[in-house]
Amino acid sequence: MPARDNFHSLMRIGPVQIGTHRDRNGQTKHAAVCSSDGCGWSADYTSQTAARTHRCRVR
């Protein structure tokens, strides 16, 4: 049975939302999602500073 994927340390920087979670190997990951309409960007990163790098081109 896979471990639960609970997010903690949620933050919002402009349209980007970042949440910290543990992957199935127990490593800490940072998921970033852009909430702008029409963007649809999301990614997992190993550091929180890398998760802040998205520049949304949709206006």
N, C-alpha and C. Protein backbone atom coordinates (compact mmCIF):
# COMPACT_ATOMS: atom_id res chain seq x y z
N MET A 1 0.84 -1.17 0.00
CA MET A 1 0.00 0.00 0.00
C MET A 1 0.89 1.24 0.00
N PRO A 2 0.67 2.20 -0.91
CA PRO A 2 1.51 3.39 -0.96
C PRO A 2 1.27 4.29 0.23
N ALA A 3 2.29 5.04 0.58
CA ALA A 3 2.18 5.99 1.68
C ALA A 3 1.29 7.16 1.26
N ARG A 4 0.68 7.80 2.23
CA ARG A 4 -0.16 8.96 1.93
C ARG A 4 0.70 10.11 1.45
N ASP A 5 0.12 10.91 0.57
CA ASP A 5 0.84 12.06 0.02
C ASP A 5 0.23 13.33 0.59
N ASN A 6 0.59 13.65 1.83
CA ASN A 6 0.07 14.84 2.51
C ASN A 6 0.96 16.03 2.25
N PHE A 7 0.36 17.14 1.85
CA PHE A 7 1.11 18.36 1.63
C PHE A 7 1.15 19.17 2.91
N HIS A 8 2.29 19.82 3.14
CA HIS A 8 2.44 20.73 4.26
C HIS A 8 3.30 21.89 3.79
N SER A 9 3.44 22.89 4.59
CA SER A 9 4.22 24.09 4.23
C SER A 9 3.74 24.66 2.91
N LEU A 10 2.44 24.90 2.81
CA LEU A 10 1.89 25.47 1.59
C LEU A 10 2.19 26.97 1.53
N MET A 11 2.55 27.46 0.35
CA MET A 11 2.79 28.89 0.17
C MET A 11 2.35 29.30 -1.22
N ARG A 12 2.09 30.57 -1.38
CA ARG A 12 1.65 31.10 -2.66
C ARG A 12 2.54 32.29 -3.01
N ILE A 13 3.09 32.27 -4.22
CA ILE A 13 3.94 33.35 -4.72
C ILE A 13 3.33 33.77 -6.06
N GLY A 14 2.58 34.87 -6.06
CA GLY A 14 1.87 35.27 -7.26
C GLY A 14 0.87 34.18 -7.62
N PRO A 15 0.84 33.73 -8.89
CA PRO A 15 -0.09 32.68 -9.28
C PRO A 15 0.42 31.27 -8.97
N VAL A 16 1.65 31.14 -8.47
CA VAL A 16 2.25 29.82 -8.23
C VAL A 16 2.02 29.38 -6.78
N GLN A 17 1.51 28.17 -6.63
CA GLN A 17 1.31 27.57 -5.33
C GLN A 17 2.34 26.46 -5.15
N ILE A 18 3.01 26.44 -3.99
CA ILE A 18 4.05 25.46 -3.71
C ILE A 18 3.68 24.70 -2.45
N GLY A 19 3.74 23.36 -2.52
CA GLY A 19 3.46 22.52 -1.37
C GLY A 19 4.57 21.50 -1.19
N THR A 20 4.94 21.24 0.04
CA THR A 20 5.99 20.28 0.36
C THR A 20 5.36 18.95 0.73
N HIS A 21 5.93 17.85 0.23
CA HIS A 21 5.42 16.51 0.51
C HIS A 21 6.57 15.52 0.47
N ARG A 22 6.30 14.31 0.91
CA ARG A 22 7.27 13.22 0.83
C ARG A 22 6.84 12.27 -0.27
N ASP A 23 7.80 11.87 -1.11
CA ASP A 23 7.48 10.93 -2.19
C ASP A 23 7.47 9.51 -1.64
N ARG A 24 7.27 8.52 -2.51
CA ARG A 24 7.15 7.13 -2.04
C ARG A 24 8.44 6.59 -1.46
N ASN A 25 9.58 7.24 -1.72
CA ASN A 25 10.86 6.82 -1.16
C ASN A 25 11.18 7.53 0.15
N GLY A 26 10.27 8.41 0.60
CA GLY A 26 10.49 9.14 1.84
C GLY A 26 11.29 10.41 1.68
N GLN A 27 11.62 10.80 0.46
CA GLN A 27 12.38 12.02 0.22
C GLN A 27 11.43 13.21 0.16
N THR A 28 11.89 14.36 0.66
CA THR A 28 11.08 15.57 0.63
C THR A 28 11.13 16.18 -0.76
N LYS A 29 9.96 16.47 -1.32
CA LYS A 29 9.82 17.08 -2.65
C LYS A 29 8.94 18.31 -2.53
N HIS A 30 9.04 19.19 -3.50
CA HIS A 30 8.25 20.41 -3.54
C HIS A 30 7.48 20.45 -4.85
N ALA A 31 6.17 20.44 -4.77
CA ALA A 31 5.32 20.48 -5.96
C ALA A 31 4.89 21.93 -6.18
N ALA A 32 5.05 22.41 -7.40
CA ALA A 32 4.65 23.77 -7.75
C ALA A 32 3.61 23.71 -8.85
N VAL A 33 2.56 24.53 -8.72
CA VAL A 33 1.46 24.56 -9.67
C VAL A 33 1.10 26.01 -9.95
N CYS A 34 0.92 26.35 -11.25
CA CYS A 34 0.49 27.70 -11.62
C CYS A 34 -1.03 27.69 -11.69
N SER A 35 -1.67 28.64 -11.01
CA SER A 35 -3.13 28.68 -10.96
C SER A 35 -3.73 29.67 -11.95
N SER A 36 -2.94 30.22 -12.87
CA SER A 36 -3.47 31.13 -13.88
C SER A 36 -4.32 30.36 -14.88
N ASP A 37 -5.41 30.97 -15.33
CA ASP A 37 -6.25 30.33 -16.34
C ASP A 37 -5.48 30.16 -17.64
N GLY A 38 -5.53 28.97 -18.20
CA GLY A 38 -4.88 28.70 -19.48
C GLY A 38 -3.42 28.33 -19.39
N CYS A 39 -2.82 28.32 -18.21
CA CYS A 39 -1.39 27.99 -18.10
C CYS A 39 -1.20 26.48 -17.99
N GLY A 40 -1.72 25.86 -16.92
CA GLY A 40 -1.63 24.42 -16.76
C GLY A 40 -0.26 23.88 -16.39
N TRP A 41 0.68 24.72 -15.96
CA TRP A 41 2.03 24.29 -15.62
C TRP A 41 2.07 23.69 -14.22
N SER A 42 2.82 22.59 -14.07
CA SER A 42 3.09 22.02 -12.75
C SER A 42 4.38 21.21 -12.84
N ALA A 43 5.09 21.11 -11.71
CA ALA A 43 6.36 20.36 -11.69
C ALA A 43 6.73 20.01 -10.26
N ASP A 44 7.57 18.97 -10.10
CA ASP A 44 8.14 18.58 -8.81
C ASP A 44 9.61 18.98 -8.79
N TYR A 45 10.05 19.47 -7.65
CA TYR A 45 11.44 19.90 -7.49
C TYR A 45 12.00 19.34 -6.20
N THR A 46 13.32 19.30 -6.11
CA THR A 46 13.97 18.84 -4.88
C THR A 46 14.25 19.99 -3.93
N SER A 47 14.21 21.23 -4.41
CA SER A 47 14.43 22.38 -3.53
C SER A 47 13.30 23.39 -3.70
N GLN A 48 13.00 24.09 -2.63
CA GLN A 48 11.92 25.06 -2.67
C GLN A 48 12.28 26.28 -3.50
N THR A 49 13.55 26.65 -3.55
CA THR A 49 13.94 27.81 -4.35
C THR A 49 13.79 27.53 -5.84
N ALA A 50 14.02 26.30 -6.26
CA ALA A 50 13.82 25.95 -7.67
C ALA A 50 12.35 26.00 -8.05
N ALA A 51 11.47 25.70 -7.10
CA ALA A 51 10.04 25.72 -7.36
C ALA A 51 9.52 27.14 -7.58
N ARG A 52 10.26 28.15 -7.20
CA ARG A 52 9.84 29.54 -7.36
C ARG A 52 10.18 30.12 -8.72
N THR A 53 10.78 29.37 -9.60
CA THR A 53 11.33 29.92 -10.83
C THR A 53 10.34 30.10 -11.97
N HIS A 54 9.09 29.65 -11.85
CA HIS A 54 8.12 29.72 -12.95
C HIS A 54 7.74 31.17 -13.26
N ARG A 55 7.80 31.53 -14.51
CA ARG A 55 7.35 32.84 -14.99
C ARG A 55 6.21 32.57 -15.96
N CYS A 56 5.00 32.89 -15.58
CA CYS A 56 3.82 32.59 -16.38
C CYS A 56 3.73 33.56 -17.55
N ARG A 57 3.58 33.01 -18.76
CA ARG A 57 3.47 33.81 -19.97
C ARG A 57 2.02 34.15 -20.31
N VAL A 58 1.06 33.54 -19.64
CA VAL A 58 -0.35 33.81 -19.90
C VAL A 58 -0.74 35.07 -19.16
N ARG A 59 -1.38 35.98 -19.84
CA ARG A 59 -1.81 37.24 -19.19
C ARG A 59 -3.27 37.49 -19.43
